[in-house]
Each structure stands twice: as structure tokens, then as C-alpha cells.
């Protein structure tokens, strides 16, 4: 991280987006409204996840991780919308922190499934601490590098571990699909202006980034709905309710 140039939090470039249109009195309308899918998926996922009876969740550690993940996604809807109404250094914290919390809990859920509850829950505590520390570091030292590096960890680790570690459940490929959707979302965000110009100012790359990120979350929700315990991993669940 520290071999790369400093990424200042107060750089005006972070707060300039291609689509600045105002519809019905809402500033940056599409960048605000495209957060709505996060709210729907986050709230529904949170409600269905509590207790683990609706989703196919077999371990208590997964319930903690997935519930916190959906809470983070629902919070992101409000935080990101609040930020995009008036992008600045103070509001970006409310956009960044829910993202880091969602990443932490998602990666923890993945580790509970692949490496066990103790590993997953231990990592959840550590990752949540790093999430808050990253945001505090960005504010105090005016440097976003730690936040940006932390966001890369699940994106790189989950695909590799999906291939290397045996799954406890079926439909494991959804992890890869969700990662691919999120990777596309990040590319769309980086190409904000180019995409906006290419489609004749219909929708910007950043708005598409929101929608594609929500699609990644939806893919994970579908995975939870349809997956089942693999027969060769049933023995791992003995002793768990």
C-alpha cells in the first residue's frame, strides 16, 4: 500500500461525477436513485436472514455474517444517497463505511463456510476493526489508500479461495459470478465519463456501477435461496444446530 502515491481524501476529483443532472429537484438524481436497489435487497435479505430459517444457512457463524452483510447493504443505500446529494469530504465517510462493513461481513461468511466458524468469526472481528480504522485513518491522515486496499482483499481472495477450498454448499459458482459482476461495476465506475459520453448521456458509468454492484448482491441472495449442503461435507456440520 505504502509504495503507491498518496490518495488525498480532500482531492476534488473524488467528488466530481459525469452525470450532474437534476430531476424533480433531486441533485445528481441518477447517482442518488440508483442506490434504491441496495435498500430493497438489503432490507429483504436482513429480514429473511435473521434466524437462518429461510435462507439455507446451517451455521450460527454464517447467520452473524450474512445478517451484518445485509445490514451493511441497506445502510449503504442511505449513506451513498446522502453522499451523492452533495458530494464532499464529510459525506463520503457515510458512503465508504457501509461498504467496508459489508465487505468484512461477506468475507467472514465466506470463511465460515470454507474454513470454519472459529476462523470466520475471528476474522469478522478483525475486519470490522480494520474497517473503522481505515475510515479514521483516511480522515486523520487525509489518505484513502488503506480504504482502497482493504476493498481489494475480498475481490482477490474470494475467487482464489472459491477454487482452492472445498465448498460446504452447492451453487458455489455464484461466488465467482458475484465477483465478476462487482469487477464489472468497478470498471464502470472508473470509466464514468467515457460510458456517459458513449451512450449519449443516458446513464453514467457511476450509476451503472451502483446497479451492477446491486446485481452482485442479488446473485449472492439467489445463491442463499437455492444452495444446499453437499453430501461430502455433512460430517463437518455434526455438533452444530
C-alpha atoms as a PDB file:
ATOM      1  CA  UNK A   1       0.000   0.000   0.000  1.00  0.00           C
ATOM      2  CA  UNK A   2       2.678   2.482   1.034  1.00  0.00           C
ATOM      3  CA  UNK A   3       4.664   2.091  -2.198  1.00  0.00           C
ATOM      4  CA  UNK A   4       1.837   3.780  -4.107  1.00  0.00           C
ATOM      5  CA  UNK A   5       1.327   7.554  -4.194  1.00  0.00           C
ATOM      6  CA  UNK A   6      -0.863   9.081  -1.525  1.00  0.00           C
ATOM      7  CA  UNK A   7      -4.549   9.379  -2.459  1.00  0.00           C
ATOM      8  CA  UNK A   8      -5.805  12.518  -0.668  1.00  0.00           C
ATOM      9  CA  UNK A   9      -9.308  12.396   0.764  1.00  0.00           C
ATOM     10  CA  UNK A  10      -9.792  16.095   0.100  1.00  0.00           C
ATOM     11  CA  UNK A  11      -8.974  15.865  -3.603  1.00  0.00           C
ATOM     12  CA  UNK A  12     -11.842  17.457  -5.522  1.00  0.00           C
ATOM     13  CA  UNK A  13     -11.544  14.742  -8.189  1.00  0.00           C
ATOM     14  CA  UNK A  14     -13.199  12.196  -5.878  1.00  0.00           C
ATOM     15  CA  UNK A  15     -16.379  14.247  -5.777  1.00  0.00           C
ATOM     16  CA  UNK A  16     -16.804  15.024  -9.475  1.00  0.00           C
ATOM     17  CA  UNK A  17     -19.075  12.660 -11.395  1.00  0.00           C
ATOM     18  CA  UNK A  18     -20.123  12.705 -15.024  1.00  0.00           C
ATOM     19  CA  UNK A  19     -23.889  12.906 -14.517  1.00  0.00           C
ATOM     20  CA  UNK A  20     -24.845  16.079 -12.657  1.00  0.00           C
ATOM     21  CA  UNK A  21     -28.445  16.244 -13.871  1.00  0.00           C
ATOM     22  CA  UNK A  22     -31.190  17.381 -11.543  1.00  0.00           C
ATOM     23  CA  UNK A  23     -34.633  15.810 -11.911  1.00  0.00           C
ATOM     24  CA  UNK A  24     -37.602  16.815  -9.734  1.00  0.00           C
ATOM     25  CA  UNK A  25     -35.352  18.888  -7.519  1.00  0.00           C
ATOM     26  CA  UNK A  26     -33.037  15.996  -6.583  1.00  0.00           C
ATOM     27  CA  UNK A  27     -29.354  16.862  -7.162  1.00  0.00           C
ATOM     28  CA  UNK A  28     -27.341  14.254  -9.066  1.00  0.00           C
ATOM     29  CA  UNK A  29     -30.589  12.362  -9.468  1.00  0.00           C
ATOM     30  CA  UNK A  30     -29.489   9.090 -11.066  1.00  0.00           C
ATOM     31  CA  UNK A  31     -26.452   8.694  -8.820  1.00  0.00           C
ATOM     32  CA  UNK A  32     -28.839   9.061  -5.879  1.00  0.00           C
ATOM     33  CA  UNK A  33     -31.735   6.950  -7.165  1.00  0.00           C
ATOM     34  CA  UNK A  34     -29.594   4.021  -8.338  1.00  0.00           C
ATOM     35  CA  UNK A  35     -28.941   3.265  -4.662  1.00  0.00           C
ATOM     36  CA  UNK A  36     -32.563   2.159  -4.252  1.00  0.00           C
ATOM     37  CA  UNK A  37     -31.848  -1.495  -5.237  1.00  0.00           C
ATOM     38  CA  UNK A  38     -29.407  -1.686  -2.321  1.00  0.00           C
ATOM     39  CA  UNK A  39     -32.220  -0.749   0.048  1.00  0.00           C
ATOM     40  CA  UNK A  40     -34.614  -3.366  -1.315  1.00  0.00           C
ATOM     41  CA  UNK A  41     -32.068  -6.191  -1.345  1.00  0.00           C
ATOM     42  CA  UNK A  42     -30.551  -5.163   1.982  1.00  0.00           C
ATOM     43  CA  UNK A  43     -33.822  -4.948   3.906  1.00  0.00           C
ATOM     44  CA  UNK A  44     -35.289  -8.139   2.424  1.00  0.00           C
ATOM     45  CA  UNK A  45     -32.041 -10.025   2.943  1.00  0.00           C
ATOM     46  CA  UNK A  46     -31.755  -8.810   6.535  1.00  0.00           C
ATOM     47  CA  UNK A  47     -35.316  -9.847   7.386  1.00  0.00           C
ATOM     48  CA  UNK A  48     -35.014 -13.249   5.711  1.00  0.00           C
ATOM     49  CA  UNK A  49     -31.573 -13.877   7.161  1.00  0.00           C
ATOM     50  CA  UNK A  50     -32.495 -13.464  10.829  1.00  0.00           C
ATOM     51  CA  UNK A  51     -32.687 -16.923  12.357  1.00  0.00           C
ATOM     52  CA  UNK A  52     -31.370 -18.575   9.215  1.00  0.00           C
ATOM     53  CA  UNK A  53     -34.628 -20.438   8.620  1.00  0.00           C
ATOM     54  CA  UNK A  54     -35.479 -19.031   5.183  1.00  0.00           C
ATOM     55  CA  UNK A  55     -32.040 -18.957   3.614  1.00  0.00           C
ATOM     56  CA  UNK A  56     -30.022 -22.159   3.511  1.00  0.00           C
ATOM     57  CA  UNK A  57     -27.712 -21.266   6.389  1.00  0.00           C
ATOM     58  CA  UNK A  58     -26.520 -24.132   8.562  1.00  0.00           C
ATOM     59  CA  UNK A  59     -24.019 -22.496  10.942  1.00  0.00           C
ATOM     60  CA  UNK A  60     -24.609 -19.749  13.517  1.00  0.00           C
ATOM     61  CA  UNK A  61     -21.439 -18.017  12.405  1.00  0.00           C
ATOM     62  CA  UNK A  62     -22.926 -17.617   8.948  1.00  0.00           C
ATOM     63  CA  UNK A  63     -26.071 -16.054  10.382  1.00  0.00           C
ATOM     64  CA  UNK A  64     -23.998 -13.345  12.056  1.00  0.00           C
ATOM     65  CA  UNK A  65     -22.012 -12.677   8.897  1.00  0.00           C
ATOM     66  CA  UNK A  66     -24.886 -12.639   6.432  1.00  0.00           C
ATOM     67  CA  UNK A  67     -27.173 -10.595   8.699  1.00  0.00           C
ATOM     68  CA  UNK A  68     -24.482  -7.953   9.118  1.00  0.00           C
ATOM     69  CA  UNK A  69     -23.801  -8.052   5.375  1.00  0.00           C
ATOM     70  CA  UNK A  70     -27.402  -7.212   4.513  1.00  0.00           C
ATOM     71  CA  UNK A  71     -27.496  -4.551   7.235  1.00  0.00           C
ATOM     72  CA  UNK A  72     -24.417  -3.016   5.621  1.00  0.00           C
ATOM     73  CA  UNK A  73     -26.028  -3.109   2.178  1.00  0.00           C
ATOM     74  CA  UNK A  74     -29.200  -1.420   3.456  1.00  0.00           C
ATOM     75  CA  UNK A  75     -27.078   1.210   5.222  1.00  0.00           C
ATOM     76  CA  UNK A  76     -25.133   1.755   2.009  1.00  0.00           C
ATOM     77  CA  UNK A  77     -28.352   2.769   0.257  1.00  0.00           C
ATOM     78  CA  UNK A  78     -28.821   5.645   2.702  1.00  0.00           C
ATOM     79  CA  UNK A  79     -25.135   6.509   3.037  1.00  0.00           C
ATOM     80  CA  UNK A  80     -24.432   6.602  -0.687  1.00  0.00           C
ATOM     81  CA  UNK A  81     -27.626   8.526  -1.470  1.00  0.00           C
ATOM     82  CA  UNK A  82     -26.759  11.050   1.258  1.00  0.00           C
ATOM     83  CA  UNK A  83     -23.261  11.445  -0.171  1.00  0.00           C
ATOM     84  CA  UNK A  84     -24.379  11.887  -3.769  1.00  0.00           C
ATOM     85  CA  UNK A  85     -26.886  14.582  -2.859  1.00  0.00           C
ATOM     86  CA  UNK A  86     -23.894  16.799  -2.065  1.00  0.00           C
ATOM     87  CA  UNK A  87     -20.546  15.019  -2.551  1.00  0.00           C
ATOM     88  CA  UNK A  88     -17.856  16.289  -0.185  1.00  0.00           C
ATOM     89  CA  UNK A  89     -15.154  15.124   2.234  1.00  0.00           C
ATOM     90  CA  UNK A  90     -17.516  14.856   5.199  1.00  0.00           C
ATOM     91  CA  UNK A  91     -20.281  12.898   3.497  1.00  0.00           C
ATOM     92  CA  UNK A  92     -18.023  10.375   1.791  1.00  0.00           C
ATOM     93  CA  UNK A  93     -17.498   8.678   5.163  1.00  0.00           C
ATOM     94  CA  UNK A  94     -21.171   7.636   5.169  1.00  0.00           C
ATOM     95  CA  UNK A  95     -20.680   6.118   1.727  1.00  0.00           C
ATOM     96  CA  UNK A  96     -17.399   4.334   2.480  1.00  0.00           C
ATOM     97  CA  UNK A  97     -18.025   2.845   5.934  1.00  0.00           C
ATOM     98  CA  UNK A  98     -21.104   0.744   4.990  1.00  0.00           C
ATOM     99  CA  UNK A  99     -19.176  -0.635   2.013  1.00  0.00           C
ATOM    100  CA  UNK A 100     -16.297  -1.739   4.233  1.00  0.00           C
ATOM    101  CA  UNK A 101     -18.686  -3.282   6.778  1.00  0.00           C
ATOM    102  CA  UNK A 102     -20.446  -5.204   4.007  1.00  0.00           C
ATOM    103  CA  UNK A 103     -17.100  -6.418   2.632  1.00  0.00           C
ATOM    104  CA  UNK A 104     -15.966  -7.528   6.090  1.00  0.00           C
ATOM    105  CA  UNK A 105     -19.114  -9.478   6.892  1.00  0.00           C
ATOM    106  CA  UNK A 106     -19.301 -11.034   3.429  1.00  0.00           C
ATOM    107  CA  UNK A 107     -15.718 -12.257   3.594  1.00  0.00           C
ATOM    108  CA  UNK A 108     -16.341 -13.549   7.113  1.00  0.00           C
ATOM    109  CA  UNK A 109     -19.381 -15.532   5.905  1.00  0.00           C
ATOM    110  CA  UNK A 110     -17.281 -16.975   3.122  1.00  0.00           C
ATOM    111  CA  UNK A 111     -14.564 -18.006   5.593  1.00  0.00           C
ATOM    112  CA  UNK A 112     -17.115 -19.601   7.939  1.00  0.00           C
ATOM    113  CA  UNK A 113     -18.295 -21.727   5.028  1.00  0.00           C
ATOM    114  CA  UNK A 114     -14.859 -22.664   3.714  1.00  0.00           C
ATOM    115  CA  UNK A 115     -12.584 -22.603   6.775  1.00  0.00           C
ATOM    116  CA  UNK A 116     -14.898 -22.968   9.777  1.00  0.00           C
ATOM    117  CA  UNK A 117     -16.753 -20.842  12.306  1.00  0.00           C
ATOM    118  CA  UNK A 118     -13.801 -20.003  14.532  1.00  0.00           C
ATOM    119  CA  UNK A 119     -11.744 -18.694  11.620  1.00  0.00           C
ATOM    120  CA  UNK A 120     -14.650 -16.804  10.075  1.00  0.00           C
ATOM    121  CA  UNK A 121     -15.897 -15.119  13.244  1.00  0.00           C
ATOM    122  CA  UNK A 122     -12.371 -14.254  14.374  1.00  0.00           C
ATOM    123  CA  UNK A 123     -11.741 -12.607  11.019  1.00  0.00           C
ATOM    124  CA  UNK A 124     -15.062 -10.748  11.273  1.00  0.00           C
ATOM    125  CA  UNK A 125     -13.935  -9.001  14.454  1.00  0.00           C
ATOM    126  CA  UNK A 126     -10.557  -8.127  12.942  1.00  0.00           C
ATOM    127  CA  UNK A 127     -12.025  -6.966   9.635  1.00  0.00           C
ATOM    128  CA  UNK A 128     -14.634  -4.763  11.304  1.00  0.00           C
ATOM    129  CA  UNK A 129     -11.883  -3.133  13.341  1.00  0.00           C
ATOM    130  CA  UNK A 130      -9.884  -2.526  10.158  1.00  0.00           C
ATOM    131  CA  UNK A 131     -12.995  -1.045   8.507  1.00  0.00           C
ATOM    132  CA  UNK A 132     -13.431   1.606  11.179  1.00  0.00           C
ATOM    133  CA  UNK A 133      -9.687   2.162  11.431  1.00  0.00           C
ATOM    134  CA  UNK A 134      -9.428   2.664   7.648  1.00  0.00           C
ATOM    135  CA  UNK A 135     -12.075   5.375   7.686  1.00  0.00           C
ATOM    136  CA  UNK A 136     -10.491   7.052  10.712  1.00  0.00           C
ATOM    137  CA  UNK A 137      -7.072   6.848   9.031  1.00  0.00           C
ATOM    138  CA  UNK A 138      -8.464   8.487   5.901  1.00  0.00           C
ATOM    139  CA  UNK A 139      -9.950  11.327   7.943  1.00  0.00           C
ATOM    140  CA  UNK A 140      -6.935  11.929  10.179  1.00  0.00           C
ATOM    141  CA  UNK A 141      -4.150  11.471   7.626  1.00  0.00           C
ATOM    142  CA  UNK A 142      -6.060  12.599   4.515  1.00  0.00           C
ATOM    143  CA  UNK A 143      -5.176   9.356   2.737  1.00  0.00           C
ATOM    144  CA  UNK A 144      -7.580   6.887   1.112  1.00  0.00           C
ATOM    145  CA  UNK A 145      -5.004   4.203   0.325  1.00  0.00           C
ATOM    146  CA  UNK A 146      -5.910   1.966   3.268  1.00  0.00           C
ATOM    147  CA  UNK A 147      -9.628   2.084   2.397  1.00  0.00           C
ATOM    148  CA  UNK A 148      -8.907   1.313  -1.244  1.00  0.00           C
ATOM    149  CA  UNK A 149      -6.522  -1.532  -0.410  1.00  0.00           C
ATOM    150  CA  UNK A 150      -8.973  -3.061   2.053  1.00  0.00           C
ATOM    151  CA  UNK A 151     -11.703  -3.097  -0.598  1.00  0.00           C
ATOM    152  CA  UNK A 152      -9.467  -5.148  -2.891  1.00  0.00           C
ATOM    153  CA  UNK A 153      -8.925  -8.001  -0.420  1.00  0.00           C
ATOM    154  CA  UNK A 154     -12.297  -9.790  -0.790  1.00  0.00           C
ATOM    155  CA  UNK A 155     -12.315  -9.214  -4.550  1.00  0.00           C
ATOM    156  CA  UNK A 156      -8.995 -11.016  -4.905  1.00  0.00           C
ATOM    157  CA  UNK A 157      -9.273 -13.587  -2.121  1.00  0.00           C
ATOM    158  CA  UNK A 158     -12.804 -14.908  -2.705  1.00  0.00           C
ATOM    159  CA  UNK A 159     -12.266 -16.122  -6.309  1.00  0.00           C
ATOM    160  CA  UNK A 160      -8.965 -17.788  -5.394  1.00  0.00           C
ATOM    161  CA  UNK A 161     -10.370 -19.453  -2.286  1.00  0.00           C
ATOM    162  CA  UNK A 162     -13.522 -20.497  -4.150  1.00  0.00           C
ATOM    163  CA  UNK A 163     -11.344 -22.545  -6.479  1.00  0.00           C
ATOM    164  CA  UNK A 164      -8.876 -23.836  -3.879  1.00  0.00           C
ATOM    165  CA  UNK A 165     -11.077 -24.636  -0.867  1.00  0.00           C
ATOM    166  CA  UNK A 166     -13.829 -27.295  -0.995  1.00  0.00           C
ATOM    167  CA  UNK A 167     -17.352 -25.832  -0.700  1.00  0.00           C
ATOM    168  CA  UNK A 168     -19.785 -26.788   2.023  1.00  0.00           C
ATOM    169  CA  UNK A 169     -22.749 -25.951  -0.215  1.00  0.00           C
ATOM    170  CA  UNK A 170     -23.863 -26.356  -3.800  1.00  0.00           C
ATOM    171  CA  UNK A 171     -24.107 -23.372  -6.182  1.00  0.00           C
ATOM    172  CA  UNK A 172     -20.561 -22.328  -5.304  1.00  0.00           C
ATOM    173  CA  UNK A 173     -20.169 -20.791  -8.760  1.00  0.00           C
ATOM    174  CA  UNK A 174     -22.359 -17.887  -7.619  1.00  0.00           C
ATOM    175  CA  UNK A 175     -19.398 -16.583  -5.640  1.00  0.00           C
ATOM    176  CA  UNK A 176     -17.480 -16.263  -8.902  1.00  0.00           C
ATOM    177  CA  UNK A 177     -20.413 -14.706 -10.722  1.00  0.00           C
ATOM    178  CA  UNK A 178     -20.911 -12.135  -7.973  1.00  0.00           C
ATOM    179  CA  UNK A 179     -17.205 -11.295  -8.019  1.00  0.00           C
ATOM    180  CA  UNK A 180     -17.341 -10.878 -11.801  1.00  0.00           C
ATOM    181  CA  UNK A 181     -20.367  -8.581 -11.524  1.00  0.00           C
ATOM    182  CA  UNK A 182     -18.616  -6.473  -8.911  1.00  0.00           C
ATOM    183  CA  UNK A 183     -15.445  -6.306 -11.016  1.00  0.00           C
ATOM    184  CA  UNK A 184     -17.507  -5.030 -13.940  1.00  0.00           C
ATOM    185  CA  UNK A 185     -19.083  -2.493 -11.586  1.00  0.00           C
ATOM    186  CA  UNK A 186     -15.679  -1.171 -10.563  1.00  0.00           C
ATOM    187  CA  UNK A 187     -14.633  -0.841 -14.210  1.00  0.00           C
ATOM    188  CA  UNK A 188     -17.835   1.083 -14.937  1.00  0.00           C
ATOM    189  CA  UNK A 189     -17.058   3.432 -12.069  1.00  0.00           C
ATOM    190  CA  UNK A 190     -13.568   4.107 -13.402  1.00  0.00           C
ATOM    191  CA  UNK A 191     -14.992   4.756 -16.873  1.00  0.00           C
ATOM    192  CA  UNK A 192     -17.698   7.096 -15.572  1.00  0.00           C
ATOM    193  CA  UNK A 193     -17.289   9.849 -18.170  1.00  0.00           C
ATOM    194  CA  UNK A 194     -16.466   7.570 -21.097  1.00  0.00           C
ATOM    195  CA  UNK A 195     -19.588   5.462 -20.602  1.00  0.00           C
ATOM    196  CA  UNK A 196     -21.735   8.567 -20.144  1.00  0.00           C
ATOM    197  CA  UNK A 197     -20.454  10.029 -23.408  1.00  0.00           C
ATOM    198  CA  UNK A 198     -20.693   6.714 -25.278  1.00  0.00           C
ATOM    199  CA  UNK A 199     -24.401   6.212 -24.558  1.00  0.00           C
ATOM    200  CA  UNK A 200     -25.232   9.831 -25.396  1.00  0.00           C
ATOM    201  CA  UNK A 201     -25.722  10.960 -21.807  1.00  0.00           C
ATOM    202  CA  UNK A 202     -28.429   8.476 -20.871  1.00  0.00           C
ATOM    203  CA  UNK A 203     -26.697   6.964 -17.850  1.00  0.00           C
ATOM    204  CA  UNK A 204     -23.215   7.390 -16.412  1.00  0.00           C
ATOM    205  CA  UNK A 205     -20.666   4.757 -15.547  1.00  0.00           C
ATOM    206  CA  UNK A 206     -21.034   5.554 -11.848  1.00  0.00           C
ATOM    207  CA  UNK A 207     -24.786   4.977 -11.902  1.00  0.00           C
ATOM    208  CA  UNK A 208     -24.181   1.695 -13.715  1.00  0.00           C
ATOM    209  CA  UNK A 209     -21.616   0.847 -11.041  1.00  0.00           C
ATOM    210  CA  UNK A 210     -24.360   1.117  -8.429  1.00  0.00           C
ATOM    211  CA  UNK A 211     -26.707  -1.110 -10.427  1.00  0.00           C
ATOM    212  CA  UNK A 212     -24.070  -3.722 -11.214  1.00  0.00           C
ATOM    213  CA  UNK A 213     -22.949  -3.826  -7.578  1.00  0.00           C
ATOM    214  CA  UNK A 214     -26.567  -4.387  -6.583  1.00  0.00           C
ATOM    215  CA  UNK A 215     -26.707  -7.204  -9.144  1.00  0.00           C
ATOM    216  CA  UNK A 216     -23.721  -8.829  -7.421  1.00  0.00           C
ATOM    217  CA  UNK A 217     -25.613  -8.669  -4.133  1.00  0.00           C
ATOM    218  CA  UNK A 218     -28.677 -10.157  -5.818  1.00  0.00           C
ATOM    219  CA  UNK A 219     -26.603 -13.066  -7.141  1.00  0.00           C
ATOM    220  CA  UNK A 220     -25.429 -13.850  -3.612  1.00  0.00           C
ATOM    221  CA  UNK A 221     -29.037 -13.729  -2.405  1.00  0.00           C
ATOM    222  CA  UNK A 222     -30.092 -16.187  -5.110  1.00  0.00           C
ATOM    223  CA  UNK A 223     -27.229 -18.437  -4.021  1.00  0.00           C
ATOM    224  CA  UNK A 224     -28.527 -18.441  -0.449  1.00  0.00           C
ATOM    225  CA  UNK A 225     -32.017 -19.300  -1.648  1.00  0.00           C
ATOM    226  CA  UNK A 226     -31.100 -22.279  -3.799  1.00  0.00           C
ATOM    227  CA  UNK A 227     -27.943 -23.783  -2.342  1.00  0.00           C
ATOM    228  CA  UNK A 228     -27.908 -26.998  -0.330  1.00  0.00           C
ATOM    229  CA  UNK A 229     -25.336 -28.796   1.813  1.00  0.00           C
ATOM    230  CA  UNK A 230     -23.043 -31.009  -0.212  1.00  0.00           C
ATOM    231  CA  UNK A 231     -23.123 -34.649   0.877  1.00  0.00           C
ATOM    232  CA  UNK A 232     -19.363 -34.863   1.228  1.00  0.00           C
ATOM    233  CA  UNK A 233     -19.410 -32.030   3.781  1.00  0.00           C
ATOM    234  CA  UNK A 234     -22.268 -33.227   6.001  1.00  0.00           C
ATOM    235  CA  UNK A 235     -19.779 -34.539   8.531  1.00  0.00           C
ATOM    236  CA  UNK A 236     -18.469 -31.003   9.056  1.00  0.00           C
ATOM    237  CA  UNK A 237     -21.816 -29.952  10.491  1.00  0.00           C
ATOM    238  CA  UNK A 238     -22.075 -32.572  13.222  1.00  0.00           C
ATOM    239  CA  UNK A 239     -22.465 -30.901  16.558  1.00  0.00           C
ATOM    240  CA  UNK A 240     -23.947 -27.755  15.013  1.00  0.00           C
ATOM    241  CA  UNK A 241     -27.677 -26.988  15.281  1.00  0.00           C
END
